[in-house]
Amino acid sequence: MPTLIRIAREKGASAYIGDGMNRWPAIHRLDAATLFRYAVESAPAGSRLDGTDDEGVPFREIADVIGRHLNVPVVSISQDEAQAAFGFLGMVASLDMPRSNAQTKELLGWKPVQQGLIADLEQGHYFNK
């Protein structure tokens, strides 16, 4: 998120690609740390673990929160404009990447307890310079 916020500050707009309905999974850093500990302590070798809480946040929702907090316009751009707008993130900014944490929760007894990405962004701490 800090990179997307930095880009929006620099460009003067918070962008999303197309209709912005592509989804990104997310996890709070504290929930990720707990999951990492559980994985090291308890996960069978070779286990595939999906550490997500938000299984798919529409990218446009992320752009909307960023735009609102930075007081910059929220704009749709084309896939062709993504590299110029997002730099190295241009390759992944339009990907739809929903993930399920059901198997991870069942295997390890893990449950995310922190707030989701949009609620966390709305707190405003990401936007402090």
N, C-alpha and C. Protein backbone atom coordinates (compact mmCIF):
# COMPACT_ATOMS: atom_id res chain seq x y z
N MET A 1 0.80 -1.19 0.00
CA MET A 1 0.00 0.00 0.00
C MET A 1 0.85 1.27 0.00
N PRO A 2 1.94 1.29 0.75
CA PRO A 2 2.76 2.51 0.70
C PRO A 2 3.22 2.86 -0.72
N THR A 3 3.51 1.86 -1.54
CA THR A 3 3.95 2.15 -2.91
C THR A 3 2.81 2.74 -3.73
N LEU A 4 1.61 2.19 -3.61
CA LEU A 4 0.46 2.75 -4.33
C LEU A 4 0.17 4.17 -3.87
N ILE A 5 0.30 4.43 -2.59
CA ILE A 5 0.07 5.77 -2.05
C ILE A 5 1.14 6.73 -2.58
N ARG A 6 2.38 6.30 -2.57
CA ARG A 6 3.47 7.14 -3.09
C ARG A 6 3.24 7.49 -4.56
N ILE A 7 2.85 6.49 -5.34
CA ILE A 7 2.59 6.71 -6.76
C ILE A 7 1.46 7.72 -6.95
N ALA A 8 0.38 7.58 -6.20
CA ALA A 8 -0.75 8.51 -6.30
C ALA A 8 -0.33 9.92 -5.93
N ARG A 9 0.49 10.05 -4.90
CA ARG A 9 1.00 11.38 -4.52
C ARG A 9 1.82 11.99 -5.67
N GLU A 10 2.73 11.18 -6.21
CA GLU A 10 3.61 11.68 -7.27
C GLU A 10 2.84 12.03 -8.54
N LYS A 11 1.85 11.20 -8.90
CA LYS A 11 1.11 11.40 -10.15
C LYS A 11 -0.04 12.39 -10.00
N GLY A 12 -0.47 12.63 -8.77
CA GLY A 12 -1.61 13.54 -8.55
C GLY A 12 -2.94 12.90 -8.84
N ALA A 13 -2.98 11.57 -8.91
CA ALA A 13 -4.23 10.83 -9.13
C ALA A 13 -4.05 9.41 -8.62
N SER A 14 -5.15 8.84 -8.18
CA SER A 14 -5.15 7.44 -7.76
C SER A 14 -5.81 6.63 -8.87
N ALA A 15 -5.05 5.76 -9.48
CA ALA A 15 -5.52 5.07 -10.68
C ALA A 15 -5.88 3.61 -10.41
N TYR A 16 -6.76 3.11 -11.24
CA TYR A 16 -7.08 1.69 -11.34
C TYR A 16 -7.20 1.38 -12.82
N ILE A 17 -7.14 0.12 -13.19
CA ILE A 17 -7.14 -0.26 -14.60
C ILE A 17 -8.53 -0.76 -15.00
N GLY A 18 -9.02 -0.26 -16.12
CA GLY A 18 -10.33 -0.68 -16.62
C GLY A 18 -11.43 -0.31 -15.66
N ASP A 19 -12.27 -1.32 -15.31
CA ASP A 19 -13.36 -1.05 -14.36
C ASP A 19 -12.92 -1.20 -12.91
N GLY A 20 -11.69 -1.66 -12.69
CA GLY A 20 -11.15 -1.77 -11.34
C GLY A 20 -11.74 -2.90 -10.51
N MET A 21 -12.43 -3.82 -11.15
CA MET A 21 -13.06 -4.91 -10.40
C MET A 21 -12.12 -6.11 -10.19
N ASN A 22 -10.88 -6.01 -10.68
CA ASN A 22 -9.90 -7.06 -10.38
C ASN A 22 -9.61 -7.04 -8.89
N ARG A 23 -9.46 -8.22 -8.32
CA ARG A 23 -9.35 -8.33 -6.86
C ARG A 23 -7.94 -8.70 -6.42
N TRP A 24 -7.54 -8.08 -5.33
CA TRP A 24 -6.24 -8.37 -4.70
C TRP A 24 -6.50 -8.95 -3.32
N PRO A 25 -5.83 -10.04 -2.98
CA PRO A 25 -5.93 -10.55 -1.61
C PRO A 25 -5.12 -9.66 -0.67
N ALA A 26 -5.48 -9.69 0.60
CA ALA A 26 -4.76 -8.86 1.56
C ALA A 26 -4.77 -9.52 2.93
N ILE A 27 -3.77 -9.17 3.71
CA ILE A 27 -3.68 -9.64 5.09
C ILE A 27 -2.98 -8.58 5.91
N HIS A 28 -3.45 -8.36 7.10
CA HIS A 28 -2.81 -7.42 8.01
C HIS A 28 -1.46 -8.01 8.42
N ARG A 29 -0.47 -7.18 8.58
CA ARG A 29 0.89 -7.65 8.90
C ARG A 29 0.93 -8.44 10.21
N LEU A 30 0.10 -8.10 11.19
CA LEU A 30 0.10 -8.85 12.45
C LEU A 30 -0.49 -10.25 12.27
N ASP A 31 -1.54 -10.36 11.44
CA ASP A 31 -2.09 -11.68 11.14
C ASP A 31 -1.08 -12.50 10.33
N ALA A 32 -0.35 -11.85 9.43
CA ALA A 32 0.67 -12.56 8.66
C ALA A 32 1.78 -13.07 9.57
N ALA A 33 2.17 -12.28 10.54
CA ALA A 33 3.22 -12.71 11.48
C ALA A 33 2.76 -13.92 12.28
N THR A 34 1.52 -13.91 12.73
CA THR A 34 0.99 -15.06 13.47
C THR A 34 0.95 -16.30 12.58
N LEU A 35 0.50 -16.13 11.35
CA LEU A 35 0.46 -17.26 10.42
C LEU A 35 1.86 -17.80 10.16
N PHE A 36 2.82 -16.93 10.00
CA PHE A 36 4.19 -17.37 9.76
C PHE A 36 4.68 -18.23 10.93
N ARG A 37 4.39 -17.78 12.14
CA ARG A 37 4.78 -18.56 13.31
C ARG A 37 4.10 -19.93 13.30
N TYR A 38 2.80 -19.96 13.03
CA TYR A 38 2.08 -21.24 12.96
C TYR A 38 2.68 -22.14 11.88
N ALA A 39 3.03 -21.54 10.74
CA ALA A 39 3.59 -22.32 9.64
C ALA A 39 4.90 -22.97 10.04
N VAL A 40 5.76 -22.20 10.69
CA VAL A 40 7.06 -22.73 11.12
C VAL A 40 6.88 -23.81 12.18
N GLU A 41 5.97 -23.58 13.10
CA GLU A 41 5.80 -24.51 14.21
C GLU A 41 4.99 -25.76 13.87
N SER A 42 4.00 -25.62 12.97
CA SER A 42 3.02 -26.70 12.83
C SER A 42 2.73 -27.22 11.43
N ALA A 43 3.04 -26.47 10.42
CA ALA A 43 2.64 -26.88 9.06
C ALA A 43 3.47 -28.06 8.59
N PRO A 44 2.82 -29.08 8.05
CA PRO A 44 3.57 -30.20 7.48
C PRO A 44 4.45 -29.70 6.32
N ALA A 45 5.59 -30.34 6.16
CA ALA A 45 6.50 -29.97 5.07
C ALA A 45 5.76 -30.01 3.74
N GLY A 46 5.99 -29.02 2.92
CA GLY A 46 5.37 -28.96 1.59
C GLY A 46 3.97 -28.41 1.58
N SER A 47 3.46 -27.96 2.71
CA SER A 47 2.10 -27.41 2.77
C SER A 47 2.00 -26.13 1.95
N ARG A 48 0.85 -25.95 1.32
CA ARG A 48 0.57 -24.69 0.64
C ARG A 48 -0.35 -23.89 1.55
N LEU A 49 0.10 -22.72 1.94
CA LEU A 49 -0.66 -21.89 2.85
C LEU A 49 -1.01 -20.57 2.16
N ASP A 50 -2.29 -20.22 2.19
CA ASP A 50 -2.73 -18.93 1.66
C ASP A 50 -3.02 -18.02 2.84
N GLY A 51 -2.13 -17.07 3.05
CA GLY A 51 -2.28 -16.13 4.16
C GLY A 51 -3.05 -14.91 3.73
N THR A 52 -4.36 -15.04 3.69
CA THR A 52 -5.20 -13.91 3.34
C THR A 52 -6.27 -13.73 4.41
N ASP A 53 -6.74 -12.54 4.53
CA ASP A 53 -7.94 -12.27 5.31
C ASP A 53 -8.98 -11.80 4.31
N ASP A 54 -8.68 -10.69 3.64
CA ASP A 54 -9.53 -10.24 2.54
C ASP A 54 -9.18 -11.12 1.34
N GLU A 55 -10.11 -11.93 0.92
CA GLU A 55 -9.82 -12.88 -0.15
C GLU A 55 -9.79 -12.23 -1.52
N GLY A 56 -10.33 -11.04 -1.63
CA GLY A 56 -10.28 -10.32 -2.89
C GLY A 56 -10.88 -8.93 -2.78
N VAL A 57 -10.05 -7.92 -2.60
CA VAL A 57 -10.51 -6.54 -2.51
C VAL A 57 -10.44 -5.94 -3.91
N PRO A 58 -11.57 -5.44 -4.44
CA PRO A 58 -11.51 -4.80 -5.76
C PRO A 58 -10.51 -3.64 -5.76
N PHE A 59 -9.66 -3.64 -6.78
CA PHE A 59 -8.61 -2.63 -6.86
C PHE A 59 -9.19 -1.21 -6.86
N ARG A 60 -10.38 -1.06 -7.45
CA ARG A 60 -10.99 0.28 -7.46
C ARG A 60 -11.29 0.76 -6.04
N GLU A 61 -11.68 -0.14 -5.14
CA GLU A 61 -11.94 0.25 -3.75
C GLU A 61 -10.66 0.76 -3.10
N ILE A 62 -9.55 0.11 -3.39
CA ILE A 62 -8.25 0.56 -2.86
C ILE A 62 -7.94 1.95 -3.41
N ALA A 63 -8.10 2.13 -4.72
CA ALA A 63 -7.84 3.43 -5.35
C ALA A 63 -8.76 4.51 -4.79
N ASP A 64 -10.03 4.17 -4.52
CA ASP A 64 -10.97 5.14 -3.97
C ASP A 64 -10.52 5.66 -2.61
N VAL A 65 -10.10 4.76 -1.73
CA VAL A 65 -9.65 5.16 -0.39
C VAL A 65 -8.40 6.03 -0.50
N ILE A 66 -7.47 5.61 -1.34
CA ILE A 66 -6.24 6.39 -1.52
C ILE A 66 -6.57 7.78 -2.05
N GLY A 67 -7.41 7.85 -3.07
CA GLY A 67 -7.78 9.14 -3.63
C GLY A 67 -8.45 10.05 -2.62
N ARG A 68 -9.34 9.49 -1.83
CA ARG A 68 -10.06 10.27 -0.82
C ARG A 68 -9.09 10.81 0.24
N HIS A 69 -8.18 9.98 0.72
CA HIS A 69 -7.24 10.42 1.77
C HIS A 69 -6.21 11.41 1.25
N LEU A 70 -5.83 11.28 -0.01
CA LEU A 70 -4.85 12.21 -0.58
C LEU A 70 -5.51 13.42 -1.23
N ASN A 71 -6.84 13.38 -1.33
CA ASN A 71 -7.58 14.45 -2.01
C ASN A 71 -7.11 14.62 -3.45
N VAL A 72 -6.99 13.48 -4.15
CA VAL A 72 -6.63 13.48 -5.57
C VAL A 72 -7.73 12.74 -6.33
N PRO A 73 -7.88 13.01 -7.62
CA PRO A 73 -8.89 12.31 -8.40
C PRO A 73 -8.60 10.81 -8.50
N VAL A 74 -9.66 10.04 -8.61
CA VAL A 74 -9.56 8.60 -8.83
C VAL A 74 -9.93 8.38 -10.29
N VAL A 75 -8.99 7.77 -11.04
CA VAL A 75 -9.17 7.68 -12.49
C VAL A 75 -8.97 6.25 -12.99
N SER A 76 -9.71 5.93 -14.03
CA SER A 76 -9.53 4.67 -14.73
C SER A 76 -8.50 4.89 -15.83
N ILE A 77 -7.58 3.93 -15.95
CA ILE A 77 -6.60 3.98 -17.03
C ILE A 77 -6.67 2.67 -17.80
N SER A 78 -6.11 2.66 -18.98
CA SER A 78 -6.09 1.45 -19.79
C SER A 78 -4.90 0.56 -19.38
N GLN A 79 -4.96 -0.68 -19.79
CA GLN A 79 -3.85 -1.60 -19.53
C GLN A 79 -2.56 -1.06 -20.16
N ASP A 80 -2.68 -0.42 -21.31
CA ASP A 80 -1.50 0.14 -21.98
C ASP A 80 -0.84 1.26 -21.17
N GLU A 81 -1.61 1.93 -20.33
CA GLU A 81 -1.09 3.03 -19.52
C GLU A 81 -0.54 2.55 -18.17
N ALA A 82 -0.77 1.29 -17.82
CA ALA A 82 -0.44 0.78 -16.49
C ALA A 82 1.04 0.89 -16.16
N GLN A 83 1.92 0.55 -17.08
CA GLN A 83 3.36 0.58 -16.80
C GLN A 83 3.81 2.00 -16.47
N ALA A 84 3.33 2.96 -17.25
CA ALA A 84 3.71 4.35 -16.98
C ALA A 84 3.12 4.84 -15.66
N ALA A 85 1.93 4.40 -15.34
CA ALA A 85 1.27 4.85 -14.11
C ALA A 85 1.81 4.19 -12.85
N PHE A 86 2.07 2.87 -12.93
CA PHE A 86 2.42 2.11 -11.73
C PHE A 86 3.86 1.63 -11.67
N GLY A 87 4.65 1.89 -12.70
CA GLY A 87 6.02 1.40 -12.70
C GLY A 87 6.06 -0.11 -12.64
N PHE A 88 6.90 -0.66 -11.76
CA PHE A 88 7.05 -2.11 -11.69
C PHE A 88 5.74 -2.82 -11.32
N LEU A 89 4.81 -2.15 -10.68
CA LEU A 89 3.52 -2.77 -10.35
C LEU A 89 2.57 -2.82 -11.55
N GLY A 90 2.95 -2.17 -12.63
CA GLY A 90 2.10 -2.14 -13.82
C GLY A 90 1.75 -3.52 -14.35
N MET A 91 2.67 -4.46 -14.15
CA MET A 91 2.42 -5.83 -14.64
C MET A 91 1.36 -6.56 -13.84
N VAL A 92 1.20 -6.21 -12.58
CA VAL A 92 0.27 -6.94 -11.72
C VAL A 92 -0.95 -6.11 -11.31
N ALA A 93 -0.97 -4.84 -11.60
CA ALA A 93 -2.05 -3.97 -11.13
C ALA A 93 -3.41 -4.38 -11.66
N SER A 94 -3.48 -5.03 -12.80
CA SER A 94 -4.78 -5.42 -13.35
C SER A 94 -5.13 -6.88 -13.11
N LEU A 95 -4.25 -7.63 -12.48
CA LEU A 95 -4.52 -9.05 -12.27
C LEU A 95 -5.65 -9.26 -11.27
N ASP A 96 -6.48 -10.26 -11.54
CA ASP A 96 -7.53 -10.67 -10.62
C ASP A 96 -6.98 -11.87 -9.85
N MET A 97 -6.72 -11.68 -8.54
CA MET A 97 -6.00 -12.70 -7.77
C MET A 97 -6.72 -13.10 -6.49
N PRO A 98 -8.00 -13.43 -6.55
CA PRO A 98 -8.65 -13.82 -5.30
C PRO A 98 -8.01 -15.10 -4.75
N ARG A 99 -7.94 -15.20 -3.44
CA ARG A 99 -7.36 -16.37 -2.77
C ARG A 99 -8.26 -16.74 -1.62
N SER A 100 -8.33 -18.01 -1.32
CA SER A 100 -9.10 -18.49 -0.18
C SER A 100 -8.16 -18.94 0.94
N ASN A 101 -8.52 -18.59 2.16
CA ASN A 101 -7.72 -19.00 3.31
C ASN A 101 -8.32 -20.23 4.01
N ALA A 102 -9.36 -20.82 3.45
CA ALA A 102 -10.07 -21.92 4.13
C ALA A 102 -9.15 -23.09 4.45
N GLN A 103 -8.33 -23.50 3.52
CA GLN A 103 -7.44 -24.64 3.74
C GLN A 103 -6.40 -24.32 4.83
N THR A 104 -5.88 -23.11 4.81
CA THR A 104 -4.89 -22.69 5.80
C THR A 104 -5.52 -22.67 7.19
N LYS A 105 -6.72 -22.13 7.29
CA LYS A 105 -7.41 -22.09 8.58
C LYS A 105 -7.67 -23.49 9.11
N GLU A 106 -8.09 -24.39 8.23
CA GLU A 106 -8.38 -25.76 8.65
C GLU A 106 -7.11 -26.49 9.07
N LEU A 107 -6.05 -26.34 8.30
CA LEU A 107 -4.80 -27.05 8.57
C LEU A 107 -4.14 -26.60 9.87
N LEU A 108 -4.15 -25.29 10.13
CA LEU A 108 -3.38 -24.75 11.26
C LEU A 108 -4.24 -24.23 12.42
N GLY A 109 -5.55 -24.16 12.21
CA GLY A 109 -6.38 -23.57 13.24
C GLY A 109 -6.17 -22.07 13.36
N TRP A 110 -5.66 -21.47 12.31
CA TRP A 110 -5.35 -20.04 12.28
C TRP A 110 -6.58 -19.26 11.85
N LYS A 111 -6.76 -18.10 12.42
CA LYS A 111 -7.85 -17.22 12.03
C LYS A 111 -7.37 -15.78 12.10
N PRO A 112 -7.49 -15.04 11.00
CA PRO A 112 -7.12 -13.62 11.05
C PRO A 112 -8.06 -12.88 12.01
N VAL A 113 -7.49 -11.97 12.79
CA VAL A 113 -8.30 -11.23 13.76
C VAL A 113 -8.21 -9.71 13.57
N GLN A 114 -7.28 -9.26 12.78
CA GLN A 114 -7.10 -7.82 12.57
C GLN A 114 -8.12 -7.32 11.54
N GLN A 115 -8.27 -6.01 11.46
CA GLN A 115 -9.20 -5.44 10.50
C GLN A 115 -8.73 -5.67 9.06
N GLY A 116 -9.67 -5.65 8.14
CA GLY A 116 -9.36 -5.84 6.73
C GLY A 116 -8.65 -4.64 6.13
N LEU A 117 -8.24 -4.80 4.88
CA LEU A 117 -7.44 -3.78 4.21
C LEU A 117 -8.14 -2.43 4.12
N ILE A 118 -9.37 -2.40 3.65
CA ILE A 118 -10.05 -1.12 3.47
C ILE A 118 -10.23 -0.42 4.82
N ALA A 119 -10.65 -1.14 5.85
CA ALA A 119 -10.79 -0.54 7.18
C ALA A 119 -9.44 -0.04 7.69
N ASP A 120 -8.38 -0.80 7.44
CA ASP A 120 -7.04 -0.38 7.87
C ASP A 120 -6.61 0.88 7.13
N LEU A 121 -6.83 0.93 5.83
CA LEU A 121 -6.50 2.15 5.06
C LEU A 121 -7.29 3.34 5.56
N GLU A 122 -8.56 3.13 5.86
CA GLU A 122 -9.42 4.23 6.32
C GLU A 122 -8.93 4.84 7.63
N GLN A 123 -8.15 4.10 8.42
CA GLN A 123 -7.63 4.65 9.66
C GLN A 123 -6.68 5.83 9.41
N GLY A 124 -6.10 5.88 8.23
CA GLY A 124 -5.29 7.04 7.85
C GLY A 124 -3.80 6.95 8.15
N HIS A 125 -3.37 5.96 8.92
CA HIS A 125 -1.94 5.91 9.29
C HIS A 125 -1.03 5.66 8.11
N TYR A 126 -1.51 5.07 7.04
CA TYR A 126 -0.67 4.86 5.85
C TYR A 126 -0.33 6.18 5.16
N PHE A 127 -1.11 7.21 5.44
CA PHE A 127 -0.99 8.46 4.70
C PHE A 127 -0.15 9.51 5.41
N ASN A 128 0.33 9.19 6.59
CA ASN A 128 1.22 10.12 7.30
C ASN A 128 2.56 10.15 6.60
N LYS A 129 3.03 11.34 6.32
CA LYS A 129 4.31 11.47 5.61
C LYS A 129 5.45 11.26 6.53
